[in-house]
Amino acid sequence: AQIYKDDKNAPKVKFSEKIIKNFNVKGAQITISHDGGFAIAAAILQRKENE
């Protein structure tokens, strides 16, 4: 997976086709924050429904 910033500096993640296929990935949201020498991040992965 690749983490990058969009035009508004929001963090985004891009998965390879192999990961999307093998793990049935639909999408992801990530957030990153820092203050006073501390940092925190969270990620939510969405999976496609079984067809």
C-alpha atoms as a PDB file:
ATOM      1  CA  ALA A   1       0.000   0.000   0.000  1.00  0.00           C
ATOM      2  CA  GLN A   2       1.073   3.560  -0.635  1.00  0.00           C
ATOM      3  CA  ILE A   3       0.264   6.486   1.692  1.00  0.00           C
ATOM      4  CA  TYR A   4       0.203   9.945   0.114  1.00  0.00           C
ATOM      5  CA  LYS A   5      -1.416  13.388   0.518  1.00  0.00           C
ATOM      6  CA  ASP A   6      -4.191  14.665  -1.731  1.00  0.00           C
ATOM      7  CA  ASP A   7      -4.556  18.244  -3.024  1.00  0.00           C
ATOM      8  CA  LYS A   8      -5.865  19.374   0.381  1.00  0.00           C
ATOM      9  CA  ASN A   9      -3.024  17.602   2.274  1.00  0.00           C
ATOM     10  CA  ALA A  10      -5.395  14.913   3.559  1.00  0.00           C
ATOM     11  CA  PRO A  11      -3.771  11.481   3.931  1.00  0.00           C
ATOM     12  CA  LYS A  12      -4.868   8.869   1.393  1.00  0.00           C
ATOM     13  CA  VAL A  13      -3.969   5.228   0.814  1.00  0.00           C
ATOM     14  CA  LYS A  14      -3.647   3.382  -2.482  1.00  0.00           C
ATOM     15  CA  PHE A  15      -3.649  -0.408  -2.624  1.00  0.00           C
ATOM     16  CA  SER A  16      -2.177  -2.593  -5.329  1.00  0.00           C
ATOM     17  CA  GLU A  17      -4.590  -4.622  -7.442  1.00  0.00           C
ATOM     18  CA  LYS A  18      -3.228  -7.780  -5.777  1.00  0.00           C
ATOM     19  CA  ILE A  19      -4.163  -6.522  -2.290  1.00  0.00           C
ATOM     20  CA  ILE A  20      -7.579  -5.325  -3.497  1.00  0.00           C
ATOM     21  CA  LYS A  21      -8.308  -8.733  -5.014  1.00  0.00           C
ATOM     22  CA  ASN A  22      -6.846 -10.929  -2.244  1.00  0.00           C
ATOM     23  CA  PHE A  23      -8.413  -9.015   0.661  1.00  0.00           C
ATOM     24  CA  ASN A  24     -11.594  -7.838  -1.085  1.00  0.00           C
ATOM     25  CA  VAL A  25     -10.768  -4.191  -0.276  1.00  0.00           C
ATOM     26  CA  LYS A  26     -13.377  -1.570  -1.155  1.00  0.00           C
ATOM     27  CA  GLY A  27     -11.656   1.475   0.353  1.00  0.00           C
ATOM     28  CA  ALA A  28      -9.901   3.003   3.338  1.00  0.00           C
ATOM     29  CA  GLN A  29      -9.965   6.131   5.454  1.00  0.00           C
ATOM     30  CA  ILE A  30      -6.948   7.247   7.432  1.00  0.00           C
ATOM     31  CA  THR A  31      -6.278  10.105   9.803  1.00  0.00           C
ATOM     32  CA  ILE A  32      -3.005  11.345  11.263  1.00  0.00           C
ATOM     33  CA  SER A  33      -2.553  13.987  13.963  1.00  0.00           C
ATOM     34  CA  HIS A  34       0.319  15.330  16.040  1.00  0.00           C
ATOM     35  CA  ASP A  35       0.837  17.838  18.852  1.00  0.00           C
ATOM     36  CA  GLY A  36       3.563  18.524  21.375  1.00  0.00           C
ATOM     37  CA  GLY A  37       5.830  15.676  20.310  1.00  0.00           C
ATOM     38  CA  PHE A  38       3.053  13.089  20.228  1.00  0.00           C
ATOM     39  CA  ALA A  39       1.436  11.557  17.164  1.00  0.00           C
ATOM     40  CA  ILE A  40      -1.566   9.332  16.569  1.00  0.00           C
ATOM     41  CA  ALA A  41      -3.011   7.633  13.494  1.00  0.00           C
ATOM     42  CA  ALA A  42      -6.109   5.576  12.775  1.00  0.00           C
ATOM     43  CA  ALA A  43      -7.162   3.547   9.751  1.00  0.00           C
ATOM     44  CA  ILE A  44     -10.508   2.074   8.750  1.00  0.00           C
ATOM     45  CA  LEU A  45     -10.587  -0.492   5.959  1.00  0.00           C
ATOM     46  CA  GLN A  46     -13.753  -1.253   4.023  1.00  0.00           C
ATOM     47  CA  ARG A  47     -14.325  -4.634   2.420  1.00  0.00           C
ATOM     48  CA  LYS A  48     -16.593  -5.507  -0.461  1.00  0.00           C
ATOM     49  CA  GLU A  49     -19.571  -7.696   0.352  1.00  0.00           C
ATOM     50  CA  ASN A  50     -19.221 -11.319  -0.706  1.00  0.00           C
ATOM     51  CA  GLU A  51     -20.881 -11.766  -4.059  1.00  0.00           C
END
